[in-house]
């Protein structure tokens, strides 16, 4: 059965801006809409109610993607919390049910959206040409999902040293600019790859 539409729930506006730029190159002919919340806690607080609402009317060819930043949370516990909310609403997830029956995809950005920027540094350099080319070769940035000391803080420092955003990183603008340049096929962030591959798998179901 072909998937026709994807409803995306995300925790904040910068992820929404990023996804609106990146999703068309992954989803191809599948339509989508992105619904941002006012932070992770706001999303988690309202997730069960939102999913229960979907369960009453969700068309056969529609799917739901829930994506949140891991931040400092335990990956397994956070993923289990998302899966439990879906199951409580009567919506099977693709990780807890047969592939074709899964209505909800739950994914984490580890630790934050900015890790996905480190995973495609050429996209960052197209958006902000003055940043150093060799950043991915440095030990502290080699694994995008393991940047120490806060991923967005590290990203902001790099851009500021290159002469950008002395007053602070405008996260929504950066998400839009970098997302527009990103090639999903080459991103080295493991959490981005899991996110991307889940969507590609969805298209084949």
N, C-alpha and C. Protein backbone atom coordinates (compact mmCIF):
# COMPACT_ATOMS: atom_id res chain seq x y z
N UNK A 1 0.85 -1.18 0.00
CA UNK A 1 0.00 0.00 0.00
C UNK A 1 0.89 1.24 0.00
N UNK A 2 0.65 2.17 -0.91
CA UNK A 2 1.50 3.35 -1.04
C UNK A 2 1.19 4.38 0.03
N UNK A 3 2.26 4.97 0.57
CA UNK A 3 2.12 6.08 1.51
C UNK A 3 1.89 7.35 0.71
N UNK A 4 0.88 8.11 1.11
CA UNK A 4 0.50 9.31 0.36
C UNK A 4 0.90 10.60 1.06
N UNK A 5 0.95 10.58 2.40
CA UNK A 5 1.15 11.84 3.13
C UNK A 5 1.82 11.54 4.46
N UNK A 6 2.67 12.49 4.91
CA UNK A 6 3.37 12.35 6.18
C UNK A 6 3.08 13.56 7.06
N UNK A 7 2.57 13.30 8.26
CA UNK A 7 2.39 14.33 9.27
C UNK A 7 3.61 14.31 10.19
N UNK A 8 4.27 15.45 10.36
CA UNK A 8 5.51 15.52 11.14
C UNK A 8 5.27 16.37 12.38
N UNK A 9 5.59 15.80 13.54
CA UNK A 9 5.52 16.54 14.81
C UNK A 9 6.94 16.75 15.30
N UNK A 10 7.30 18.00 15.55
CA UNK A 10 8.65 18.30 16.01
C UNK A 10 8.61 19.31 17.13
N UNK A 11 9.71 19.40 17.86
CA UNK A 11 9.66 20.16 19.12
C UNK A 11 9.84 21.66 18.96
N UNK A 12 10.38 22.12 17.84
CA UNK A 12 10.60 23.57 17.75
C UNK A 12 10.73 24.04 16.31
N UNK A 13 10.80 25.37 16.15
CA UNK A 13 10.70 25.99 14.84
C UNK A 13 11.92 25.78 13.97
N UNK A 14 13.11 25.64 14.56
CA UNK A 14 14.29 25.45 13.71
C UNK A 14 14.26 24.08 13.03
N UNK A 15 13.80 23.04 13.73
CA UNK A 15 13.66 21.74 13.09
C UNK A 15 12.60 21.80 12.00
N UNK A 16 11.52 22.53 12.24
CA UNK A 16 10.51 22.69 11.20
C UNK A 16 11.12 23.32 9.95
N UNK A 17 11.89 24.42 10.14
CA UNK A 17 12.51 25.11 9.01
C UNK A 17 13.45 24.18 8.26
N UNK A 18 14.24 23.39 9.00
CA UNK A 18 15.18 22.45 8.39
C UNK A 18 14.43 21.38 7.58
N UNK A 19 13.42 20.78 8.18
CA UNK A 19 12.70 19.69 7.52
C UNK A 19 11.98 20.16 6.26
N UNK A 20 11.45 21.37 6.29
CA UNK A 20 10.75 21.87 5.10
C UNK A 20 11.70 22.02 3.91
N UNK A 21 12.99 22.17 4.18
CA UNK A 21 13.97 22.24 3.11
C UNK A 21 14.45 20.86 2.68
N UNK A 22 14.57 19.93 3.63
CA UNK A 22 15.19 18.63 3.36
C UNK A 22 14.19 17.57 2.91
N UNK A 23 12.99 17.59 3.46
CA UNK A 23 12.04 16.51 3.18
C UNK A 23 11.70 16.34 1.69
N UNK A 24 11.56 17.41 0.91
CA UNK A 24 11.20 17.18 -0.50
C UNK A 24 12.20 16.31 -1.25
N UNK A 25 13.48 16.39 -0.90
CA UNK A 25 14.48 15.59 -1.61
C UNK A 25 14.47 14.13 -1.17
N UNK A 26 13.82 13.82 -0.05
CA UNK A 26 13.74 12.44 0.43
C UNK A 26 12.38 11.82 0.07
N UNK A 27 11.31 12.59 0.26
CA UNK A 27 9.97 12.03 0.13
C UNK A 27 9.46 11.98 -1.31
N UNK A 28 10.10 12.74 -2.19
CA UNK A 28 9.71 12.76 -3.60
C UNK A 28 8.23 13.12 -3.76
N UNK A 29 7.37 12.15 -4.11
CA UNK A 29 5.98 12.47 -4.43
C UNK A 29 5.03 12.38 -3.23
N UNK A 30 5.56 12.17 -2.04
CA UNK A 30 4.72 12.09 -0.84
C UNK A 30 4.54 13.50 -0.27
N UNK A 31 3.31 13.92 -0.05
CA UNK A 31 3.07 15.22 0.56
C UNK A 31 3.36 15.15 2.06
N UNK A 32 3.53 16.30 2.68
CA UNK A 32 3.83 16.32 4.11
C UNK A 32 3.41 17.66 4.71
N UNK A 33 3.28 17.68 6.02
CA UNK A 33 3.10 18.93 6.77
C UNK A 33 3.87 18.80 8.07
N UNK A 34 4.41 19.91 8.55
CA UNK A 34 5.24 19.91 9.76
C UNK A 34 4.56 20.75 10.82
N UNK A 35 4.42 20.18 12.03
CA UNK A 35 3.74 20.86 13.12
C UNK A 35 4.72 21.04 14.29
N UNK A 36 5.24 22.25 14.50
CA UNK A 36 6.20 22.48 15.60
C UNK A 36 5.50 22.75 16.92
N UNK A 37 6.18 22.37 18.00
CA UNK A 37 5.72 22.67 19.36
C UNK A 37 6.66 23.68 20.00
N UNK A 38 6.36 24.07 21.21
CA UNK A 38 7.17 25.07 21.91
C UNK A 38 8.16 24.38 22.84
N UNK A 39 8.99 23.52 22.27
CA UNK A 39 9.99 22.80 23.04
C UNK A 39 9.62 21.34 23.23
N UNK A 40 10.62 20.55 23.65
CA UNK A 40 10.41 19.11 23.81
C UNK A 40 9.34 18.78 24.84
N UNK A 41 9.38 19.47 25.98
CA UNK A 41 8.41 19.16 27.02
C UNK A 41 6.99 19.46 26.57
N UNK A 42 6.81 20.51 25.78
CA UNK A 42 5.48 20.83 25.25
C UNK A 42 5.01 19.71 24.33
N UNK A 43 5.90 19.22 23.46
CA UNK A 43 5.53 18.13 22.56
C UNK A 43 5.18 16.88 23.35
N UNK A 44 6.04 16.50 24.29
CA UNK A 44 5.79 15.28 25.06
C UNK A 44 4.51 15.39 25.89
N UNK A 45 4.24 16.58 26.40
CA UNK A 45 3.03 16.79 27.20
C UNK A 45 1.77 16.55 26.39
N UNK A 46 1.78 16.98 25.13
CA UNK A 46 0.58 16.92 24.31
C UNK A 46 0.57 15.74 23.32
N UNK A 47 1.63 14.92 23.34
CA UNK A 47 1.77 13.90 22.31
C UNK A 47 0.64 12.87 22.33
N UNK A 48 0.30 12.35 23.51
CA UNK A 48 -0.76 11.33 23.57
C UNK A 48 -2.07 11.87 23.04
N UNK A 49 -2.41 13.08 23.46
CA UNK A 49 -3.67 13.68 23.02
C UNK A 49 -3.67 13.88 21.51
N UNK A 50 -2.55 14.35 20.98
CA UNK A 50 -2.46 14.59 19.54
C UNK A 50 -2.59 13.26 18.77
N UNK A 51 -1.91 12.24 19.24
CA UNK A 51 -1.96 10.95 18.55
C UNK A 51 -3.34 10.31 18.67
N UNK A 52 -4.01 10.49 19.81
CA UNK A 52 -5.38 9.98 19.94
C UNK A 52 -6.29 10.65 18.91
N UNK A 53 -6.06 11.96 18.72
CA UNK A 53 -6.85 12.67 17.71
C UNK A 53 -6.62 12.09 16.32
N UNK A 54 -5.36 11.84 15.98
CA UNK A 54 -5.06 11.24 14.68
C UNK A 54 -5.72 9.87 14.54
N UNK A 55 -5.72 9.09 15.63
CA UNK A 55 -6.22 7.72 15.54
C UNK A 55 -7.69 7.66 15.15
N UNK A 56 -8.42 8.77 15.36
CA UNK A 56 -9.85 8.79 15.06
C UNK A 56 -10.13 9.00 13.57
N UNK A 57 -9.16 9.55 12.84
CA UNK A 57 -9.47 9.90 11.45
C UNK A 57 -8.33 9.66 10.45
N UNK A 58 -7.20 9.15 10.90
CA UNK A 58 -6.03 9.04 10.03
C UNK A 58 -6.34 8.21 8.78
N UNK A 59 -6.22 8.79 7.59
CA UNK A 59 -6.47 8.01 6.36
C UNK A 59 -5.48 6.86 6.22
N UNK A 60 -5.86 5.87 5.47
CA UNK A 60 -5.06 4.65 5.32
C UNK A 60 -3.65 4.94 4.80
N UNK A 61 -3.52 5.87 3.88
CA UNK A 61 -2.24 6.15 3.27
C UNK A 61 -1.41 7.20 3.97
N UNK A 62 -1.79 7.61 5.18
CA UNK A 62 -1.06 8.63 5.93
C UNK A 62 -0.20 7.98 7.01
N UNK A 63 0.94 8.60 7.30
CA UNK A 63 1.82 8.18 8.38
C UNK A 63 2.21 9.39 9.21
N UNK A 64 2.74 9.13 10.40
CA UNK A 64 3.12 10.19 11.34
C UNK A 64 4.58 10.01 11.71
N UNK A 65 5.35 11.09 11.64
CA UNK A 65 6.74 11.11 12.09
C UNK A 65 6.84 12.03 13.31
N UNK A 66 7.38 11.50 14.40
CA UNK A 66 7.64 12.30 15.60
C UNK A 66 9.16 12.38 15.75
N UNK A 67 9.70 13.60 15.80
CA UNK A 67 11.15 13.74 15.91
C UNK A 67 11.50 14.76 17.00
N UNK A 68 12.36 14.34 17.93
CA UNK A 68 12.78 15.20 19.03
C UNK A 68 14.29 15.13 19.19
N UNK A 69 14.86 16.16 19.79
CA UNK A 69 16.28 16.13 20.15
C UNK A 69 16.47 15.22 21.36
N UNK A 70 17.56 14.47 21.35
CA UNK A 70 17.86 13.67 22.54
C UNK A 70 18.27 14.56 23.70
N UNK A 71 19.07 15.60 23.44
CA UNK A 71 19.65 16.44 24.48
C UNK A 71 20.42 15.53 25.45
N UNK A 72 20.08 15.62 26.75
CA UNK A 72 20.80 14.81 27.74
C UNK A 72 20.02 13.56 28.15
N UNK A 73 18.93 13.29 27.47
CA UNK A 73 18.09 12.15 27.86
C UNK A 73 18.73 10.83 27.45
N UNK A 74 18.33 9.76 28.12
CA UNK A 74 18.73 8.42 27.73
C UNK A 74 17.98 8.04 26.46
N UNK A 75 18.71 7.62 25.44
CA UNK A 75 18.11 7.32 24.13
C UNK A 75 16.98 6.31 24.23
N UNK A 76 17.26 5.21 24.93
CA UNK A 76 16.27 4.13 24.99
C UNK A 76 15.03 4.57 25.74
N UNK A 77 15.23 5.29 26.84
CA UNK A 77 14.08 5.74 27.64
C UNK A 77 13.22 6.72 26.85
N UNK A 78 13.87 7.66 26.14
CA UNK A 78 13.12 8.65 25.37
C UNK A 78 12.38 7.98 24.22
N UNK A 79 13.04 7.08 23.52
CA UNK A 79 12.39 6.36 22.42
C UNK A 79 11.22 5.52 22.94
N UNK A 80 11.41 4.88 24.10
CA UNK A 80 10.34 4.08 24.69
C UNK A 80 9.15 4.97 25.07
N UNK A 81 9.44 6.17 25.54
CA UNK A 81 8.37 7.11 25.89
C UNK A 81 7.55 7.49 24.66
N UNK A 82 8.22 7.73 23.56
CA UNK A 82 7.52 8.06 22.31
C UNK A 82 6.70 6.87 21.82
N UNK A 83 7.29 5.67 21.85
CA UNK A 83 6.58 4.48 21.40
C UNK A 83 5.35 4.21 22.26
N UNK A 84 5.49 4.41 23.57
CA UNK A 84 4.38 4.14 24.49
C UNK A 84 3.22 5.09 24.22
N UNK A 85 3.52 6.36 23.90
CA UNK A 85 2.46 7.33 23.59
C UNK A 85 1.69 6.89 22.36
N UNK A 86 2.40 6.40 21.35
CA UNK A 86 1.73 5.93 20.12
C UNK A 86 0.88 4.70 20.41
N UNK A 87 1.44 3.76 21.13
CA UNK A 87 0.70 2.53 21.44
C UNK A 87 -0.54 2.83 22.27
N UNK A 88 -0.43 3.78 23.20
CA UNK A 88 -1.58 4.15 24.03
C UNK A 88 -2.69 4.76 23.20
N UNK A 89 -2.32 5.39 22.08
CA UNK A 89 -3.32 5.99 21.19
C UNK A 89 -3.86 4.98 20.18
N UNK A 90 -3.37 3.74 20.25
CA UNK A 90 -3.82 2.73 19.31
C UNK A 90 -3.19 2.84 17.95
N UNK A 91 -2.03 3.50 17.88
CA UNK A 91 -1.32 3.66 16.61
C UNK A 91 -0.02 2.88 16.69
N UNK A 92 0.10 1.77 16.00
CA UNK A 92 1.33 0.97 16.05
C UNK A 92 2.50 1.73 15.44
N UNK A 93 3.68 1.56 16.03
CA UNK A 93 4.89 2.17 15.49
C UNK A 93 5.61 1.18 14.59
N UNK A 94 6.48 1.72 13.75
CA UNK A 94 7.21 0.85 12.82
C UNK A 94 8.32 0.07 13.53
N UNK A 95 8.62 0.44 14.77
CA UNK A 95 9.64 -0.31 15.52
C UNK A 95 9.03 -1.36 16.43
N UNK A 96 7.71 -1.33 16.65
CA UNK A 96 7.08 -2.28 17.57
C UNK A 96 6.01 -3.13 16.89
N UNK A 97 5.89 -3.02 15.56
CA UNK A 97 4.88 -3.80 14.86
C UNK A 97 5.41 -4.20 13.50
N UNK A 98 4.62 -4.96 12.78
CA UNK A 98 5.01 -5.34 11.42
C UNK A 98 5.19 -4.09 10.57
N UNK A 99 6.17 -4.15 9.69
CA UNK A 99 6.56 -2.98 8.89
C UNK A 99 5.37 -2.30 8.21
N UNK A 100 4.55 -3.06 7.55
CA UNK A 100 3.44 -2.50 6.78
C UNK A 100 2.35 -1.93 7.68
N UNK A 101 2.31 -2.35 8.95
CA UNK A 101 1.24 -1.92 9.85
C UNK A 101 1.60 -0.67 10.64
N UNK A 102 2.87 -0.31 10.66
CA UNK A 102 3.30 0.82 11.47
C UNK A 102 2.77 2.14 10.96
N UNK A 103 2.14 2.88 11.83
CA UNK A 103 1.58 4.19 11.48
C UNK A 103 2.46 5.34 11.94
N UNK A 104 3.29 5.09 12.96
CA UNK A 104 4.08 6.15 13.57
C UNK A 104 5.56 5.80 13.50
N UNK A 105 6.38 6.78 13.10
CA UNK A 105 7.83 6.64 13.12
C UNK A 105 8.36 7.61 14.18
N UNK A 106 9.07 7.10 15.17
CA UNK A 106 9.67 7.93 16.21
C UNK A 106 11.18 7.98 15.99
N UNK A 107 11.74 9.20 15.92
CA UNK A 107 13.17 9.36 15.68
C UNK A 107 13.76 10.44 16.55
N UNK A 108 15.05 10.26 16.90
CA UNK A 108 15.78 11.21 17.74
C UNK A 108 16.90 11.86 16.94
N UNK A 109 17.09 13.17 17.17
CA UNK A 109 18.29 13.85 16.68
C UNK A 109 19.29 13.83 17.83
N UNK A 110 20.46 13.25 17.62
CA UNK A 110 21.44 13.05 18.70
C UNK A 110 22.64 13.94 18.45
N UNK A 111 22.93 14.88 19.39
CA UNK A 111 22.06 15.20 20.51
C UNK A 111 21.05 16.28 20.17
N UNK A 112 21.40 17.07 19.11
CA UNK A 112 20.52 18.15 18.67
C UNK A 112 20.57 18.24 17.15
N UNK A 113 19.69 19.07 16.59
CA UNK A 113 19.66 19.29 15.15
C UNK A 113 21.04 19.65 14.60
N UNK A 114 21.79 20.45 15.37
CA UNK A 114 23.09 20.91 14.86
C UNK A 114 24.06 19.76 14.58
N UNK A 115 23.88 18.61 15.20
CA UNK A 115 24.72 17.45 14.88
C UNK A 115 24.56 17.07 13.41
N UNK A 116 23.37 17.25 12.88
CA UNK A 116 23.14 16.94 11.47
C UNK A 116 23.86 17.91 10.56
N UNK A 117 24.10 19.14 11.03
CA UNK A 117 24.90 20.08 10.25
C UNK A 117 26.35 19.60 10.17
N UNK A 118 26.91 19.16 11.29
CA UNK A 118 28.27 18.63 11.28
C UNK A 118 28.39 17.43 10.35
N UNK A 119 27.29 16.71 10.14
CA UNK A 119 27.30 15.53 9.28
C UNK A 119 27.39 15.85 7.80
N UNK A 120 27.08 17.07 7.42
CA UNK A 120 27.21 17.49 6.01
C UNK A 120 27.86 18.87 6.00
N UNK A 121 29.16 18.90 6.25
CA UNK A 121 29.86 20.17 6.39
C UNK A 121 29.91 20.93 5.07
N UNK A 122 29.84 20.24 3.95
CA UNK A 122 29.82 20.94 2.67
C UNK A 122 28.56 21.79 2.55
N UNK A 123 27.45 21.33 3.11
CA UNK A 123 26.22 22.13 3.10
C UNK A 123 26.40 23.38 3.95
N UNK A 124 27.07 23.23 5.10
CA UNK A 124 27.34 24.39 5.96
C UNK A 124 28.20 25.41 5.22
N UNK A 125 29.22 24.92 4.52
CA UNK A 125 30.14 25.82 3.82
C UNK A 125 29.47 26.50 2.62
N UNK A 126 28.50 25.85 2.01
CA UNK A 126 27.75 26.51 0.93
C UNK A 126 26.88 27.64 1.50
N UNK A 127 26.35 27.42 2.68
CA UNK A 127 25.53 28.46 3.32
C UNK A 127 26.39 29.56 3.93
N UNK A 128 27.54 29.17 4.50
CA UNK A 128 28.42 30.11 5.20
C UNK A 128 29.85 29.86 4.75
N UNK A 129 30.26 30.42 3.62
CA UNK A 129 31.53 30.05 2.97
C UNK A 129 32.79 30.32 3.78
N UNK A 130 32.74 31.17 4.79
CA UNK A 130 33.96 31.49 5.53
C UNK A 130 34.31 30.47 6.61
N UNK A 131 33.44 29.51 6.88
CA UNK A 131 33.78 28.53 7.92
C UNK A 131 34.89 27.61 7.39
N UNK A 132 35.78 27.14 8.26
CA UNK A 132 36.91 26.32 7.80
C UNK A 132 36.47 25.00 7.19
N UNK A 133 37.14 24.61 6.12
CA UNK A 133 36.81 23.37 5.43
C UNK A 133 37.21 22.14 6.24
N UNK A 134 38.24 22.28 7.08
CA UNK A 134 38.82 21.11 7.73
C UNK A 134 38.12 20.70 9.02
N UNK A 135 37.03 21.36 9.39
CA UNK A 135 36.34 21.04 10.65
C UNK A 135 36.04 19.55 10.81
N UNK A 136 35.51 18.84 9.79
CA UNK A 136 35.19 17.41 9.99
C UNK A 136 36.40 16.53 10.25
N UNK A 137 37.61 17.01 9.93
CA UNK A 137 38.80 16.21 10.17
C UNK A 137 39.33 16.36 11.60
N UNK A 138 38.83 17.35 12.33
CA UNK A 138 39.28 17.54 13.71
C UNK A 138 38.62 16.50 14.61
N UNK A 139 39.40 16.01 15.57
CA UNK A 139 38.95 14.88 16.39
C UNK A 139 37.63 15.16 17.08
N UNK A 140 37.43 16.38 17.60
CA UNK A 140 36.22 16.66 18.38
C UNK A 140 34.97 16.75 17.53
N UNK A 141 35.13 16.83 16.20
CA UNK A 141 33.96 16.95 15.32
C UNK A 141 33.81 15.76 14.37
N UNK A 142 34.69 14.78 14.48
CA UNK A 142 34.71 13.67 13.52
C UNK A 142 33.43 12.85 13.59
N UNK A 143 32.90 12.65 14.80
CA UNK A 143 31.62 11.96 14.96
C UNK A 143 30.57 13.02 15.27
N UNK A 144 29.73 13.37 14.32
CA UNK A 144 28.76 14.46 14.54
C UNK A 144 27.84 14.26 15.73
N UNK A 145 27.57 13.01 16.08
CA UNK A 145 26.65 12.73 17.17
C UNK A 145 27.34 12.70 18.53
N UNK A 146 28.64 12.98 18.57
CA UNK A 146 29.37 12.92 19.83
C UNK A 146 30.16 14.20 20.11
N UNK A 147 29.73 15.31 19.55
CA UNK A 147 30.39 16.59 19.82
C UNK A 147 30.18 16.96 21.27
N UNK A 148 31.25 17.24 21.98
CA UNK A 148 31.17 17.50 23.42
C UNK A 148 30.85 18.97 23.70
N UNK A 149 30.20 19.18 24.85
CA UNK A 149 29.98 20.54 25.33
C UNK A 149 28.79 21.25 24.72
N UNK A 150 27.87 20.50 24.14
CA UNK A 150 26.70 21.12 23.52
C UNK A 150 26.92 21.33 22.04
N UNK A 151 26.11 20.66 21.22
CA UNK A 151 26.34 20.70 19.78
C UNK A 151 26.07 22.07 19.20
N UNK A 152 24.96 22.69 19.59
CA UNK A 152 24.66 23.99 18.98
C UNK A 152 25.63 25.04 19.48
N UNK A 153 26.11 24.91 20.73
CA UNK A 153 27.10 25.86 21.23
C UNK A 153 28.41 25.74 20.44
N UNK A 154 28.82 24.50 20.15
CA UNK A 154 30.04 24.28 19.36
C UNK A 154 29.86 24.83 17.95
N UNK A 155 28.70 24.59 17.37
CA UNK A 155 28.42 25.10 16.02
C UNK A 155 28.43 26.62 16.00
N UNK A 156 27.81 27.22 16.99
CA UNK A 156 27.78 28.68 17.07
C UNK A 156 29.19 29.26 17.19
N UNK A 157 30.05 28.64 18.01
CA UNK A 157 31.41 29.13 18.17
C UNK A 157 32.17 29.11 16.84
N UNK A 158 32.01 28.05 16.08
CA UNK A 158 32.70 27.94 14.79
C UNK A 158 32.24 29.06 13.85
N UNK A 159 30.95 29.29 13.78
CA UNK A 159 30.45 30.33 12.89
C UNK A 159 30.89 31.72 13.36
N UNK A 160 30.91 31.93 14.67
CA UNK A 160 31.32 33.24 15.17
C UNK A 160 32.80 33.50 14.91
N UNK A 161 33.63 32.47 15.04
CA UNK A 161 35.06 32.63 14.73
C UNK A 161 35.28 32.95 13.26
N UNK A 162 34.34 32.52 12.42
CA UNK A 162 34.42 32.81 10.99
C UNK A 162 33.80 34.16 10.63
N UNK A 163 33.33 34.88 11.65
CA UNK A 163 32.80 36.22 11.43
C UNK A 163 31.30 36.30 11.27
N UNK A 164 30.58 35.22 11.57
CA UNK A 164 29.13 35.21 11.46
C UNK A 164 28.48 35.33 12.85
N UNK A 165 27.37 36.02 12.92
CA UNK A 165 26.45 35.98 14.06
C UNK A 165 27.14 36.30 15.40
N UNK A 166 27.82 37.42 15.47
CA UNK A 166 28.47 37.82 16.72
C UNK A 166 27.46 38.00 17.85
N UNK A 167 26.23 38.32 17.50
CA UNK A 167 25.20 38.50 18.51
C UNK A 167 24.47 37.22 18.89
N UNK A 168 24.87 36.08 18.33
CA UNK A 168 24.23 34.81 18.64
C UNK A 168 23.65 34.15 17.40
N UNK A 169 23.66 32.85 17.39
CA UNK A 169 23.21 32.06 16.24
C UNK A 169 21.70 32.17 16.05
N UNK A 170 21.23 32.65 14.90
CA UNK A 170 19.79 32.64 14.61
C UNK A 170 19.41 31.24 14.12
N UNK A 171 18.88 30.43 15.00
CA UNK A 171 18.74 29.00 14.74
C UNK A 171 17.79 28.70 13.58
N UNK A 172 16.71 29.47 13.45
CA UNK A 172 15.76 29.21 12.38
C UNK A 172 16.37 29.57 11.03
N UNK A 173 17.02 30.71 10.96
CA UNK A 173 17.67 31.11 9.71
C UNK A 173 18.74 30.10 9.30
N UNK A 174 19.57 29.67 10.26
CA UNK A 174 20.62 28.70 9.95
C UNK A 174 20.01 27.38 9.48
N UNK A 175 18.95 26.94 10.12
CA UNK A 175 18.29 25.68 9.73
C UNK A 175 17.80 25.75 8.30
N UNK A 176 17.22 26.88 7.95
CA UNK A 176 16.69 27.04 6.59
C UNK A 176 17.83 27.09 5.56
N UNK A 177 18.86 27.87 5.87
CA UNK A 177 19.98 28.03 4.93
C UNK A 177 20.72 26.72 4.71
N UNK A 178 21.02 26.01 5.78
CA UNK A 178 21.78 24.76 5.68
C UNK A 178 20.92 23.64 5.11
N UNK A 179 19.68 23.56 5.55
CA UNK A 179 18.78 22.54 5.01
C UNK A 179 18.62 22.65 3.51
N UNK A 180 18.62 23.87 3.01
CA UNK A 180 18.47 24.10 1.57
C UNK A 180 19.64 23.53 0.77
N UNK A 181 20.81 23.45 1.42
CA UNK A 181 22.01 22.98 0.74
C UNK A 181 22.33 21.51 0.99
N UNK A 182 21.61 20.89 1.90
CA UNK A 182 22.00 19.56 2.35
C UNK A 182 21.69 18.46 1.35
N UNK A 183 22.63 17.52 1.25
CA UNK A 183 22.46 16.31 0.44
C UNK A 183 22.23 15.15 1.39
N UNK A 184 21.00 14.68 1.55
CA UNK A 184 20.72 13.62 2.53
C UNK A 184 21.52 12.34 2.32
N UNK A 185 21.96 12.11 1.10
CA UNK A 185 22.66 10.85 0.80
C UNK A 185 24.06 10.78 1.42
N UNK A 186 24.67 11.92 1.71
CA UNK A 186 26.07 11.91 2.14
C UNK A 186 26.26 12.27 3.61
N UNK A 187 25.19 12.55 4.33
CA UNK A 187 25.33 12.98 5.72
C UNK A 187 25.94 11.87 6.58
N UNK A 188 26.98 12.21 7.36
CA UNK A 188 27.70 11.20 8.15
C UNK A 188 27.17 11.05 9.58
N UNK A 189 26.20 11.86 9.96
CA UNK A 189 25.59 11.70 11.29
C UNK A 189 24.78 10.42 11.32
N UNK A 190 25.09 9.54 12.27
CA UNK A 190 24.37 8.28 12.36
C UNK A 190 22.89 8.50 12.63
N UNK A 191 22.55 9.47 13.50
CA UNK A 191 21.14 9.69 13.80
C UNK A 191 20.41 10.26 12.59
N UNK A 192 21.10 11.05 11.76
CA UNK A 192 20.46 11.52 10.53
C UNK A 192 20.24 10.35 9.58
N UNK A 193 21.21 9.45 9.48
CA UNK A 193 21.08 8.30 8.59
C UNK A 193 19.90 7.43 8.99
N UNK A 194 19.71 7.23 10.30
CA UNK A 194 18.57 6.43 10.77
C UNK A 194 17.26 7.12 10.41
N UNK A 195 17.23 8.44 10.58
CA UNK A 195 16.05 9.23 10.21
C UNK A 195 15.78 9.12 8.71
N UNK A 196 16.81 9.35 7.90
CA UNK A 196 16.67 9.29 6.44
C UNK A 196 16.23 7.91 5.97
N UNK A 197 16.88 6.87 6.50
CA UNK A 197 16.58 5.51 6.05
C UNK A 197 15.18 5.08 6.44
N UNK A 198 14.69 5.59 7.58
CA UNK A 198 13.30 5.28 7.97
C UNK A 198 12.32 5.86 6.96
N UNK A 199 12.61 7.05 6.46
CA UNK A 199 11.74 7.65 5.47
C UNK A 199 11.83 6.93 4.13
N UNK A 200 13.02 6.54 3.74
CA UNK A 200 13.19 5.79 2.49
C UNK A 200 12.47 4.45 2.57
N UNK A 201 12.57 3.81 3.75
CA UNK A 201 11.87 2.54 3.95
C UNK A 201 10.37 2.74 3.88
N UNK A 202 9.91 3.88 4.39
CA UNK A 202 8.48 4.20 4.36
C UNK A 202 7.98 4.26 2.91
N UNK A 203 8.78 4.83 2.03
CA UNK A 203 8.37 4.96 0.63
C UNK A 203 8.23 3.61 -0.06
N UNK A 204 8.94 2.62 0.46
CA UNK A 204 8.90 1.30 -0.16
C UNK A 204 7.83 0.38 0.41
N UNK A 205 7.15 0.85 1.46
CA UNK A 205 6.16 -0.01 2.13
C UNK A 205 4.82 0.02 1.41
